[in-house]
Amino acid sequence: MTTRFELVADDRGRISYCLVDNTGNVLLQGLPCRGKIDAQTEVLHTRKALDSEHLVPHQDGEGMHFVVLKDDEGNVLGRSPHVASSHELGAMVNEICAAGPRAAMIDQTRR
């Protein structure tokens, strides 16, 4: 499978998206939404914001690296998983920016 946005439901019924690569690894996780339409809208906003200008790198207290995706107003749209090095983070950001804007959306909430 190719890189794709998957809509998923949590145990409280909230819907969010995951940008998943062709091997099934999560590249970006969206925030929980109240419904499917809100989550689909978040995917549209995320596609528009996917460039290195909107992906803000962070490092946690244990030295792990991740990025937070923000829109033009500074609102958080999603975040990446933690990786061990800035080199790994750079590779992940490149993949997110290259594949995300045209990634298909798959509804996994119907399962």
PDB file of N, CA and C in Angstrom:
ATOM      1  N   MET A   1       0.829  -1.189   0.000  1.00  0.00           N
ATOM      2  CA  MET A   1       0.000   0.000   0.000  1.00  0.00           C
ATOM      3  C   MET A   1       0.869   1.246   0.000  1.00  0.00           C
ATOM      4  N   THR A   2       0.351   2.327  -0.485  1.00  0.00           N
ATOM      5  CA  THR A   2       1.086   3.585  -0.536  1.00  0.00           C
ATOM      6  C   THR A   2       0.817   4.403   0.728  1.00  0.00           C
ATOM      7  N   THR A   3       1.552   5.489   0.874  1.00  0.00           N
ATOM      8  CA  THR A   3       1.326   6.396   1.999  1.00  0.00           C
ATOM      9  C   THR A   3      -0.101   6.910   1.917  1.00  0.00           C
ATOM     10  N   ARG A   4      -0.772   6.960   3.075  1.00  0.00           N
ATOM     11  CA  ARG A   4      -2.192   7.295   3.088  1.00  0.00           C
ATOM     12  C   ARG A   4      -2.586   7.918   4.421  1.00  0.00           C
ATOM     13  N   PHE A   5      -3.668   8.667   4.408  1.00  0.00           N
ATOM     14  CA  PHE A   5      -4.304   9.140   5.624  1.00  0.00           C
ATOM     15  C   PHE A   5      -5.347   8.103   6.005  1.00  0.00           C
ATOM     16  N   GLU A   6      -5.289   7.609   7.221  1.00  0.00           N
ATOM     17  CA  GLU A   6      -6.288   6.672   7.719  1.00  0.00           C
ATOM     18  C   GLU A   6      -7.103   7.371   8.792  1.00  0.00           C
ATOM     19  N   LEU A   7      -8.424   7.325   8.656  1.00  0.00           N
ATOM     20  CA  LEU A   7      -9.312   7.813   9.702  1.00  0.00           C
ATOM     21  C   LEU A   7      -9.548   6.676  10.674  1.00  0.00           C
ATOM     22  N   VAL A   8      -9.298   6.917  11.951  1.00  0.00           N
ATOM     23  CA  VAL A   8      -9.412   5.878  12.972  1.00  0.00           C
ATOM     24  C   VAL A   8     -10.240   6.405  14.142  1.00  0.00           C
ATOM     25  N   ALA A   9     -10.888   5.497  14.854  1.00  0.00           N
ATOM     26  CA  ALA A   9     -11.687   5.850  16.024  1.00  0.00           C
ATOM     27  C   ALA A   9     -11.000   5.333  17.281  1.00  0.00           C
ATOM     28  N   ASP A  10     -11.040   6.141  18.352  1.00  0.00           N
ATOM     29  CA  ASP A  10     -10.487   5.676  19.618  1.00  0.00           C
ATOM     30  C   ASP A  10     -11.594   5.020  20.439  1.00  0.00           C
ATOM     31  N   ASP A  11     -11.262   4.576  21.637  1.00  0.00           N
ATOM     32  CA  ASP A  11     -12.230   3.858  22.468  1.00  0.00           C
ATOM     33  C   ASP A  11     -13.353   4.763  22.996  1.00  0.00           C
ATOM     34  N   ARG A  12     -13.209   6.078  22.839  1.00  0.00           N
ATOM     35  CA  ARG A  12     -14.252   7.017  23.252  1.00  0.00           C
ATOM     36  C   ARG A  12     -15.075   7.510  22.064  1.00  0.00           C
ATOM     37  N   GLY A  13     -14.850   6.933  20.888  1.00  0.00           N
ATOM     38  CA  GLY A  13     -15.622   7.274  19.704  1.00  0.00           C
ATOM     39  C   GLY A  13     -15.146   8.507  18.965  1.00  0.00           C
ATOM     40  N   ARG A  14     -14.019   9.077  19.381  1.00  0.00           N
ATOM     41  CA  ARG A  14     -13.481  10.239  18.688  1.00  0.00           C
ATOM     42  C   ARG A  14     -12.722   9.765  17.455  1.00  0.00           C
ATOM     43  N   ILE A  15     -12.766  10.557  16.397  1.00  0.00           N
ATOM     44  CA  ILE A  15     -12.131  10.221  15.132  1.00  0.00           C
ATOM     45  C   ILE A  15     -10.892  11.090  14.958  1.00  0.00           C
ATOM     46  N   SER A  16      -9.814  10.490  14.502  1.00  0.00           N
ATOM     47  CA  SER A  16      -8.608  11.250  14.164  1.00  0.00           C
ATOM     48  C   SER A  16      -7.998  10.619  12.919  1.00  0.00           C
ATOM     49  N   TYR A  17      -6.966  11.278  12.409  1.00  0.00           N
ATOM     50  CA  TYR A  17      -6.266  10.732  11.257  1.00  0.00           C
ATOM     51  C   TYR A  17      -4.859  10.309  11.647  1.00  0.00           C
ATOM     52  N   CYS A  18      -4.346   9.373  10.890  1.00  0.00           N
ATOM     53  CA  CYS A  18      -2.934   9.000  10.949  1.00  0.00           C
ATOM     54  C   CYS A  18      -2.428   9.037   9.513  1.00  0.00           C
ATOM     55  N   LEU A  19      -1.285   9.688   9.300  1.00  0.00           N
ATOM     56  CA  LEU A  19      -0.604   9.579   8.020  1.00  0.00           C
ATOM     57  C   LEU A  19       0.316   8.383   8.158  1.00  0.00           C
ATOM     58  N   VAL A  20       0.073   7.359   7.351  1.00  0.00           N
ATOM     59  CA  VAL A  20       0.762   6.084   7.469  1.00  0.00           C
ATOM     60  C   VAL A  20       1.564   5.824   6.197  1.00  0.00           C
ATOM     61  N   ASP A  21       2.823   5.380   6.356  1.00  0.00           N
ATOM     62  CA  ASP A  21       3.645   5.105   5.173  1.00  0.00           C
ATOM     63  C   ASP A  21       3.323   3.740   4.583  1.00  0.00           C
ATOM     64  N   ASN A  22       3.997   3.387   3.505  1.00  0.00           N
ATOM     65  CA  ASN A  22       3.679   2.143   2.783  1.00  0.00           C
ATOM     66  C   ASN A  22       4.033   0.880   3.557  1.00  0.00           C
ATOM     67  N   THR A  23       4.752   0.996   4.672  1.00  0.00           N
ATOM     68  CA  THR A  23       5.056  -0.176   5.499  1.00  0.00           C
ATOM     69  C   THR A  23       4.187  -0.233   6.754  1.00  0.00           C
ATOM     70  N   GLY A  24       3.271   0.728   6.908  1.00  0.00           N
ATOM     71  CA  GLY A  24       2.370   0.735   8.048  1.00  0.00           C
ATOM     72  C   GLY A  24       2.832   1.574   9.231  1.00  0.00           C
ATOM     73  N   ASN A  25       3.963   2.266   9.096  1.00  0.00           N
ATOM     74  CA  ASN A  25       4.457   3.125  10.180  1.00  0.00           C
ATOM     75  C   ASN A  25       3.727   4.461  10.168  1.00  0.00           C
ATOM     76  N   VAL A  26       3.333   4.924  11.342  1.00  0.00           N
ATOM     77  CA  VAL A  26       2.682   6.222  11.466  1.00  0.00           C
ATOM     78  C   VAL A  26       3.733   7.316  11.324  1.00  0.00           C
ATOM     79  N   LEU A  27       3.462   8.269  10.421  1.00  0.00           N
ATOM     80  CA  LEU A  27       4.340   9.422  10.224  1.00  0.00           C
ATOM     81  C   LEU A  27       3.816  10.663  10.940  1.00  0.00           C
ATOM     82  N   LEU A  28       2.496  10.742  11.065  1.00  0.00           N
ATOM     83  CA  LEU A  28       1.866  11.918  11.658  1.00  0.00           C
ATOM     84  C   LEU A  28       0.532  11.491  12.238  1.00  0.00           C
ATOM     85  N   GLN A  29       0.219  11.970  13.447  1.00  0.00           N
ATOM     86  CA  GLN A  29      -1.042  11.651  14.115  1.00  0.00           C
ATOM     87  C   GLN A  29      -1.805  12.937  14.360  1.00  0.00           C
ATOM     88  N   GLY A  30      -3.053  12.977  13.894  1.00  0.00           N
ATOM     89  CA  GLY A  30      -3.895  14.153  14.110  1.00  0.00           C
ATOM     90  C   GLY A  30      -4.536  14.136  15.480  1.00  0.00           C
ATOM     91  N   LEU A  31      -5.112  15.254  15.844  1.00  0.00           N
ATOM     92  CA  LEU A  31      -5.804  15.377  17.123  1.00  0.00           C
ATOM     93  C   LEU A  31      -7.194  14.759  17.027  1.00  0.00           C
ATOM     94  N   PRO A  32      -7.730  14.256  18.133  1.00  0.00           N
ATOM     95  CA  PRO A  32      -9.079  13.683  18.122  1.00  0.00           C
ATOM     96  C   PRO A  32     -10.129  14.735  17.783  1.00  0.00           C
ATOM     97  N   CYS A  33     -11.102  14.325  16.974  1.00  0.00           N
ATOM     98  CA  CYS A  33     -12.211  15.186  16.562  1.00  0.00           C
ATOM     99  C   CYS A  33     -13.519  14.574  17.042  1.00  0.00           C
ATOM    100  N   ARG A  34     -14.561  15.392  17.057  1.00  0.00           N
ATOM    101  CA  ARG A  34     -15.867  14.907  17.505  1.00  0.00           C
ATOM    102  C   ARG A  34     -16.552  14.006  16.481  1.00  0.00           C
ATOM    103  N   GLY A  35     -16.190  14.130  15.229  1.00  0.00           N
ATOM    104  CA  GLY A  35     -16.863  13.332  14.216  1.00  0.00           C
ATOM    105  C   GLY A  35     -16.016  13.166  12.979  1.00  0.00           C
ATOM    106  N   LYS A  36     -16.526  12.356  12.091  1.00  0.00           N
ATOM    107  CA  LYS A  36     -15.797  12.020  10.874  1.00  0.00           C
ATOM    108  C   LYS A  36     -15.614  13.222   9.951  1.00  0.00           C
ATOM    109  N   ILE A  37     -16.612  14.055   9.826  1.00  0.00           N
ATOM    110  CA  ILE A  37     -16.499  15.225   8.951  1.00  0.00           C
ATOM    111  C   ILE A  37     -15.412  16.165   9.464  1.00  0.00           C
ATOM    112  N   ASP A  38     -15.354  16.362  10.792  1.00  0.00           N
ATOM    113  CA  ASP A  38     -14.303  17.200  11.364  1.00  0.00           C
ATOM    114  C   ASP A  38     -12.921  16.600  11.088  1.00  0.00           C
ATOM    115  N   ALA A  39     -12.785  15.292  11.195  1.00  0.00           N
ATOM    116  CA  ALA A  39     -11.496  14.639  10.930  1.00  0.00           C
ATOM    117  C   ALA A  39     -11.119  14.757   9.453  1.00  0.00           C
ATOM    118  N   GLN A  40     -12.090  14.616   8.561  1.00  0.00           N
ATOM    119  CA  GLN A  40     -11.817  14.785   7.135  1.00  0.00           C
ATOM    120  C   GLN A  40     -11.369  16.214   6.835  1.00  0.00           C
ATOM    121  N   THR A  41     -11.979  17.184   7.498  1.00  0.00           N
ATOM    122  CA  THR A  41     -11.582  18.576   7.337  1.00  0.00           C
ATOM    123  C   THR A  41     -10.154  18.781   7.839  1.00  0.00           C
ATOM    124  N   GLU A  42      -9.800  18.137   8.939  1.00  0.00           N
ATOM    125  CA  GLU A  42      -8.434  18.227   9.461  1.00  0.00           C
ATOM    126  C   GLU A  42      -7.423  17.660   8.458  1.00  0.00           C
ATOM    127  N   VAL A  43      -7.789  16.605   7.760  1.00  0.00           N
ATOM    128  CA  VAL A  43      -6.904  16.058   6.724  1.00  0.00           C
ATOM    129  C   VAL A  43      -6.682  17.096   5.622  1.00  0.00           C
ATOM    130  N   LEU A  44      -7.740  17.772   5.208  1.00  0.00           N
ATOM    131  CA  LEU A  44      -7.606  18.815   4.178  1.00  0.00           C
ATOM    132  C   LEU A  44      -6.684  19.935   4.646  1.00  0.00           C
ATOM    133  N   HIS A  45      -6.856  20.390   5.891  1.00  0.00           N
ATOM    134  CA  HIS A  45      -5.981  21.428   6.442  1.00  0.00           C
ATOM    135  C   HIS A  45      -4.539  20.932   6.545  1.00  0.00           C
ATOM    136  N   THR A  46      -4.390  19.684   6.917  1.00  0.00           N
ATOM    137  CA  THR A  46      -3.053  19.101   7.046  1.00  0.00           C
ATOM    138  C   THR A  46      -2.359  19.048   5.696  1.00  0.00           C
ATOM    139  N   ARG A  47      -3.061  18.610   4.669  1.00  0.00           N
ATOM    140  CA  ARG A  47      -2.459  18.562   3.325  1.00  0.00           C
ATOM    141  C   ARG A  47      -1.930  19.931   2.909  1.00  0.00           C
ATOM    142  N   LYS A  48      -2.700  20.989   3.190  1.00  0.00           N
ATOM    143  CA  LYS A  48      -2.291  22.344   2.821  1.00  0.00           C
ATOM    144  C   LYS A  48      -1.071  22.823   3.602  1.00  0.00           C
ATOM    145  N   ALA A  49      -0.914  22.337   4.833  1.00  0.00           N
ATOM    146  CA  ALA A  49       0.151  22.819   5.711  1.00  0.00           C
ATOM    147  C   ALA A  49       1.425  21.985   5.641  1.00  0.00           C
ATOM    148  N   LEU A  50       1.448  20.940   4.821  1.00  0.00           N
ATOM    149  CA  LEU A  50       2.597  20.031   4.825  1.00  0.00           C
ATOM    150  C   LEU A  50       3.784  20.591   4.065  1.00  0.00           C
ATOM    151  N   ASP A  51       4.547  21.409   4.755  1.00  0.00           N
ATOM    152  CA  ASP A  51       5.852  21.842   4.271  1.00  0.00           C
ATOM    153  C   ASP A  51       6.721  22.088   5.499  1.00  0.00           C
ATOM    154  N   SER A  52       8.006  22.207   5.301  1.00  0.00           N
ATOM    155  CA  SER A  52       8.921  22.298   6.432  1.00  0.00           C
ATOM    156  C   SER A  52       8.690  23.558   7.269  1.00  0.00           C
ATOM    157  N   GLU A  53       8.043  24.571   6.693  1.00  0.00           N
ATOM    158  CA  GLU A  53       7.747  25.800   7.426  1.00  0.00           C
ATOM    159  C   GLU A  53       6.715  25.566   8.534  1.00  0.00           C
ATOM    160  N   HIS A  54       5.799  24.626   8.324  1.00  0.00           N
ATOM    161  CA  HIS A  54       4.732  24.349   9.282  1.00  0.00           C
ATOM    162  C   HIS A  54       5.056  23.182  10.217  1.00  0.00           C
ATOM    163  N   LEU A  55       6.116  22.444   9.943  1.00  0.00           N
ATOM    164  CA  LEU A  55       6.532  21.326  10.794  1.00  0.00           C
ATOM    165  C   LEU A  55       7.618  21.826  11.742  1.00  0.00           C
ATOM    166  N   VAL A  56       7.268  21.953  13.013  1.00  0.00           N
ATOM    167  CA  VAL A  56       8.158  22.547  14.005  1.00  0.00           C
ATOM    168  C   VAL A  56       8.851  21.423  14.793  1.00  0.00           C
ATOM    169  N   PRO A  57      10.184  21.340  14.706  1.00  0.00           N
ATOM    170  CA  PRO A  57      10.894  20.279  15.420  1.00  0.00           C
ATOM    171  C   PRO A  57      10.942  20.541  16.927  1.00  0.00           C
ATOM    172  N   HIS A  58      10.894  19.457  17.685  1.00  0.00           N
ATOM    173  CA  HIS A  58      10.969  19.504  19.149  1.00  0.00           C
ATOM    174  C   HIS A  58      11.859  18.364  19.629  1.00  0.00           C
ATOM    175  N   GLN A  59      12.322  18.504  20.857  1.00  0.00           N
ATOM    176  CA  GLN A  59      13.074  17.441  21.514  1.00  0.00           C
ATOM    177  C   GLN A  59      12.548  17.345  22.942  1.00  0.00           C
ATOM    178  N   ASP A  60      12.218  16.127  23.375  1.00  0.00           N
ATOM    179  CA  ASP A  60      11.687  15.968  24.724  1.00  0.00           C
ATOM    180  C   ASP A  60      12.828  15.875  25.738  1.00  0.00           C
ATOM    181  N   GLY A  61      12.493  15.739  26.998  1.00  0.00           N
ATOM    182  CA  GLY A  61      13.473  15.698  28.070  1.00  0.00           C
ATOM    183  C   GLY A  61      14.401  14.499  28.042  1.00  0.00           C
ATOM    184  N   GLU A  62      14.028  13.483  27.301  1.00  0.00           N
ATOM    185  CA  GLU A  62      14.854  12.280  27.199  1.00  0.00           C
ATOM    186  C   GLU A  62      15.686  12.264  25.921  1.00  0.00           C
ATOM    187  N   GLY A  63      15.659  13.352  25.154  1.00  0.00           N
ATOM    188  CA  GLY A  63      16.465  13.451  23.947  1.00  0.00           C
ATOM    189  C   GLY A  63      15.821  12.906  22.690  1.00  0.00           C
ATOM    190  N   MET A  64      14.549  12.517  22.767  1.00  0.00           N
ATOM    191  CA  MET A  64      13.846  12.013  21.589  1.00  0.00           C
ATOM    192  C   MET A  64      13.335  13.193  20.772  1.00  0.00           C
ATOM    193  N   HIS A  65      13.284  13.022  19.447  1.00  0.00           N
ATOM    194  CA  HIS A  65      12.905  14.080  18.516  1.00  0.00           C
ATOM    195  C   HIS A  65      11.519  13.799  17.927  1.00  0.00           C
ATOM    196  N   PHE A  66      10.766  14.880  17.667  1.00  0.00           N
ATOM    197  CA  PHE A  66       9.473  14.786  16.992  1.00  0.00           C
ATOM    198  C   PHE A  66       9.157  16.142  16.386  1.00  0.00           C
ATOM    199  N   VAL A  67       8.167  16.180  15.498  1.00  0.00           N
ATOM    200  CA  VAL A  67       7.697  17.446  14.932  1.00  0.00           C
ATOM    201  C   VAL A  67       6.226  17.640  15.252  1.00  0.00           C
ATOM    202  N   VAL A  68       5.848  18.899  15.345  1.00  0.00           N
ATOM    203  CA  VAL A  68       4.453  19.286  15.513  1.00  0.00           C
ATOM    204  C   VAL A  68       4.067  20.060  14.257  1.00  0.00           C
ATOM    205  N   LEU A  69       2.960  19.685  13.643  1.00  0.00           N
ATOM    206  CA  LEU A  69       2.443  20.384  12.465  1.00  0.00           C
ATOM    207  C   LEU A  69       1.468  21.456  12.927  1.00  0.00           C
ATOM    208  N   LYS A  70       1.725  22.702  12.494  1.00  0.00           N
ATOM    209  CA  LYS A  70       0.857  23.820  12.858  1.00  0.00           C
ATOM    210  C   LYS A  70       0.331  24.485  11.589  1.00  0.00           C
ATOM    211  N   ASP A  71      -0.873  25.052  11.699  1.00  0.00           N
ATOM    212  CA  ASP A  71      -1.428  25.804  10.572  1.00  0.00           C
ATOM    213  C   ASP A  71      -0.886  27.227  10.595  1.00  0.00           C
ATOM    214  N   ASP A  72      -1.351  28.072   9.691  1.00  0.00           N
ATOM    215  CA  ASP A  72      -0.860  29.445   9.591  1.00  0.00           C
ATOM    216  C   ASP A  72      -1.116  30.283  10.842  1.00  0.00           C
ATOM    217  N   GLU A  73      -2.136  29.931  11.613  1.00  0.00           N
ATOM    218  CA  GLU A  73      -2.449  30.668  12.832  1.00  0.00           C
ATOM    219  C   GLU A  73      -1.740  30.097  14.060  1.00  0.00           C
ATOM    220  N   GLY A  74      -0.980  29.030  13.888  1.00  0.00           N
ATOM    221  CA  GLY A  74      -0.266  28.421  15.002  1.00  0.00           C
ATOM    222  C   GLY A  74      -1.017  27.319  15.720  1.00  0.00           C
ATOM    223  N   ASN A  75      -2.180  26.940  15.208  1.00  0.00           N
ATOM    224  CA  ASN A  75      -2.952  25.845  15.807  1.00  0.00           C
ATOM    225  C   ASN A  75      -2.316  24.510  15.457  1.00  0.00           C
ATOM    226  N   VAL A  76      -2.278  23.603  16.406  1.00  0.00           N
ATOM    227  CA  VAL A  76      -1.692  22.282  16.188  1.00  0.00           C
ATOM    228  C   VAL A  76      -2.647  21.426  15.359  1.00  0.00           C
ATOM    229  N   LEU A  77      -2.103  20.819  14.302  1.00  0.00           N
ATOM    230  CA  LEU A  77      -2.872  19.903  13.447  1.00  0.00           C
ATOM    231  C   LEU A  77      -2.502  18.455  13.705  1.00  0.00           C
ATOM    232  N   GLY A  78      -1.284  18.214  14.152  1.00  0.00           N
ATOM    233  CA  GLY A  78      -0.836  16.848  14.399  1.00  0.00           C
ATOM    234  C   GLY A  78       0.603  16.835  14.870  1.00  0.00           C
ATOM    235  N   ARG A  79       1.090  15.625  15.162  1.00  0.00           N
ATOM    236  CA  ARG A  79       2.480  15.467  15.563  1.00  0.00           C
ATOM    237  C   ARG A  79       2.990  14.107  15.130  1.00  0.00           C
ATOM    238  N   SER A  80       4.293  14.039  15.000  1.00  0.00           N
ATOM    239  CA  SER A  80       4.929  12.801  14.581  1.00  0.00           C
ATOM    240  C   SER A  80       5.228  11.934  15.796  1.00  0.00           C
ATOM    241  N   PRO A  81       5.529  10.669  15.563  1.00  0.00           N
ATOM    242  CA  PRO A  81       6.040   9.851  16.664  1.00  0.00           C
ATOM    243  C   PRO A  81       7.456  10.301  17.025  1.00  0.00           C
ATOM    244  N   HIS A  82       7.924   9.864  18.173  1.00  0.00           N
ATOM    245  CA  HIS A  82       9.285  10.180  18.603  1.00  0.00           C
ATOM    246  C   HIS A  82      10.293   9.286  17.879  1.00  0.00           C
ATOM    247  N   VAL A  83      11.419   9.885  17.504  1.00  0.00           N
ATOM    248  CA  VAL A  83      12.537   9.138  16.918  1.00  0.00           C
ATOM    249  C   VAL A  83      13.806   9.509  17.673  1.00  0.00           C
ATOM    250  N   ALA A  84      14.830   8.677  17.538  1.00  0.00           N
ATOM    251  CA  ALA A  84      16.035   8.808  18.355  1.00  0.00           C
ATOM    252  C   ALA A  84      16.973   9.936  17.937  1.00  0.00           C
ATOM    253  N   SER A  85      16.968  10.316  16.663  1.00  0.00           N
ATOM    254  CA  SER A  85      17.975  11.290  16.225  1.00  0.00           C
ATOM    255  C   SER A  85      17.359  12.356  15.312  1.00  0.00           C
ATOM    256  N   SER A  86      18.080  13.467  15.206  1.00  0.00           N
ATOM    257  CA  SER A  86      17.630  14.526  14.304  1.00  0.00           C
ATOM    258  C   SER A  86      17.731  14.068  12.849  1.00  0.00           C
ATOM    259  N   HIS A  87      18.661  13.162  12.571  1.00  0.00           N
ATOM    260  CA  HIS A  87      18.786  12.608  11.211  1.00  0.00           C
ATOM    261  C   HIS A  87      17.529  11.809  10.848  1.00  0.00           C
ATOM    262  N   GLU A  88      17.069  10.952  11.767  1.00  0.00           N
ATOM    263  CA  GLU A  88      15.832  10.192  11.533  1.00  0.00           C
ATOM    264  C   GLU A  88      14.642  11.136  11.369  1.00  0.00           C
ATOM    265  N   LEU A  89      14.614  12.187  12.186  1.00  0.00           N
ATOM    266  CA  LEU A  89      13.532  13.151  12.104  1.00  0.00           C
ATOM    267  C   LEU A  89      13.527  13.845  10.744  1.00  0.00           C
ATOM    268  N   GLY A  90      14.702  14.236  10.256  1.00  0.00           N
ATOM    269  CA  GLY A  90      14.800  14.869   8.949  1.00  0.00           C
ATOM    270  C   GLY A  90      14.274  13.978   7.841  1.00  0.00           C
ATOM    271  N   ALA A  91      14.610  12.690   7.909  1.00  0.00           N
ATOM    272  CA  ALA A  91      14.116  11.740   6.910  1.00  0.00           C
ATOM    273  C   ALA A  91      12.600  11.616   6.984  1.00  0.00           C
ATOM    274  N   MET A  92      12.054  11.590   8.210  1.00  0.00           N
ATOM    275  CA  MET A  92      10.610  11.490   8.381  1.00  0.00           C
ATOM    276  C   MET A  92       9.925  12.742   7.837  1.00  0.00           C
ATOM    277  N   VAL A  93      10.456  13.920   8.127  1.00  0.00           N
ATOM    278  CA  VAL A  93       9.881  15.170   7.634  1.00  0.00           C
ATOM    279  C   VAL A  93       9.876  15.183   6.103  1.00  0.00           C
ATOM    280  N   ASN A  94      10.970  14.733   5.497  1.00  0.00           N
ATOM    281  CA  ASN A  94      11.027  14.670   4.029  1.00  0.00           C
ATOM    282  C   ASN A  94       9.933  13.766   3.483  1.00  0.00           C
ATOM    283  N   GLU A  95       9.723  12.625   4.117  1.00  0.00           N
ATOM    284  CA  GLU A  95       8.687  11.695   3.657  1.00  0.00           C
ATOM    285  C   GLU A  95       7.294  12.289   3.850  1.00  0.00           C
ATOM    286  N   ILE A  96       7.070  12.936   4.987  1.00  0.00           N
ATOM    287  CA  ILE A  96       5.779  13.569   5.255  1.00  0.00           C
ATOM    288  C   ILE A  96       5.475  14.625   4.195  1.00  0.00           C
ATOM    289  N   CYS A  97       6.438  15.478   3.927  1.00  0.00           N
ATOM    290  CA  CYS A  97       6.242  16.580   2.968  1.00  0.00           C
ATOM    291  C   CYS A  97       6.098  16.086   1.530  1.00  0.00           C
ATOM    292  N   ALA A  98       6.792  14.996   1.191  1.00  0.00           N
ATOM    293  CA  ALA A  98       6.740  14.471  -0.176  1.00  0.00           C
ATOM    294  C   ALA A  98       5.449  13.716  -0.459  1.00  0.00           C
ATOM    295  N   ALA A  99       5.024  12.872   0.469  1.00  0.00           N
ATOM    296  CA  ALA A  99       3.892  11.983   0.196  1.00  0.00           C
ATOM    297  C   ALA A  99       2.566  12.495   0.740  1.00  0.00           C
ATOM    298  N   GLY A 100       2.592  13.277   1.811  1.00  0.00           N
ATOM    299  CA  GLY A 100       1.362  13.697   2.482  1.00  0.00           C
ATOM    300  C   GLY A 100       0.384  14.500   1.648  1.00  0.00           C
ATOM    301  N   PRO A 101       0.840  15.506   0.900  1.00  0.00           N
ATOM    302  CA  PRO A 101      -0.126  16.336   0.180  1.00  0.00           C
ATOM    303  C   PRO A 101      -1.001  15.586  -0.821  1.00  0.00           C
ATOM    304  N   ARG A 102      -0.538  14.468  -1.322  1.00  0.00           N
ATOM    305  CA  ARG A 102      -1.338  13.738  -2.316  1.00  0.00           C
ATOM    306  C   ARG A 102      -1.789  12.359  -1.809  1.00  0.00           C
ATOM    307  N   ALA A 103      -1.591  12.094  -0.528  1.00  0.00           N
ATOM    308  CA  ALA A 103      -1.956  10.792   0.032  1.00  0.00           C
ATOM    309  C   ALA A 103      -3.474  10.615   0.046  1.00  0.00           C
ATOM    310  N   ALA A 104      -3.909   9.427  -0.310  1.00  0.00           N
ATOM    311  CA  ALA A 104      -5.338   9.100  -0.291  1.00  0.00           C
ATOM    312  C   ALA A 104      -5.836   9.043   1.150  1.00  0.00           C
ATOM    313  N   MET A 105      -7.148   9.205   1.306  1.00  0.00           N
ATOM    314  CA  MET A 105      -7.767   9.090   2.622  1.00  0.00           C
ATOM    315  C   MET A 105      -8.566   7.785   2.671  1.00  0.00           C
ATOM    316  N   ILE A 106      -8.292   6.981   3.686  1.00  0.00           N
ATOM    317  CA  ILE A 106      -8.956   5.687   3.863  1.00  0.00           C
ATOM    318  C   ILE A 106      -9.711   5.708   5.189  1.00  0.00           C
ATOM    319  N   ASP A 107     -10.985   5.340   5.162  1.00  0.00           N
ATOM    320  CA  ASP A 107     -11.782   5.322   6.371  1.00  0.00           C
ATOM    321  C   ASP A 107     -11.661   3.958   7.045  1.00  0.00           C
ATOM    322  N   GLN A 108     -10.930   3.918   8.155  1.00  0.00           N
ATOM    323  CA  GLN A 108     -10.762   2.672   8.917  1.00  0.00           C
ATOM    324  C   GLN A 108     -11.801   2.552  10.034  1.00  0.00           C
ATOM    325  N   THR A 109     -12.698   3.525  10.150  1.00  0.00           N
ATOM    326  CA  THR A 109     -13.689   3.491  11.221  1.00  0.00           C
ATOM    327  C   THR A 109     -14.816   2.518  10.911  1.00  0.00           C
ATOM    328  N   ARG A 110     -14.913   2.059   9.694  1.00  0.00           N
ATOM    329  CA  ARG A 110     -16.006   1.146   9.289  1.00  0.00           C
ATOM    330  C   ARG A 110     -15.714  -0.292   9.657  1.00  0.00           C
ATOM    331  N   ARG A 111     -14.532  -0.582  10.097  1.00  0.00           N
ATOM    332  CA  ARG A 111     -14.162  -1.971  10.416  1.00  0.00           C
ATOM    333  C   ARG A 111     -14.791  -2.439  11.690  1.00  0.00           C
TER     334      ARG A 111
END
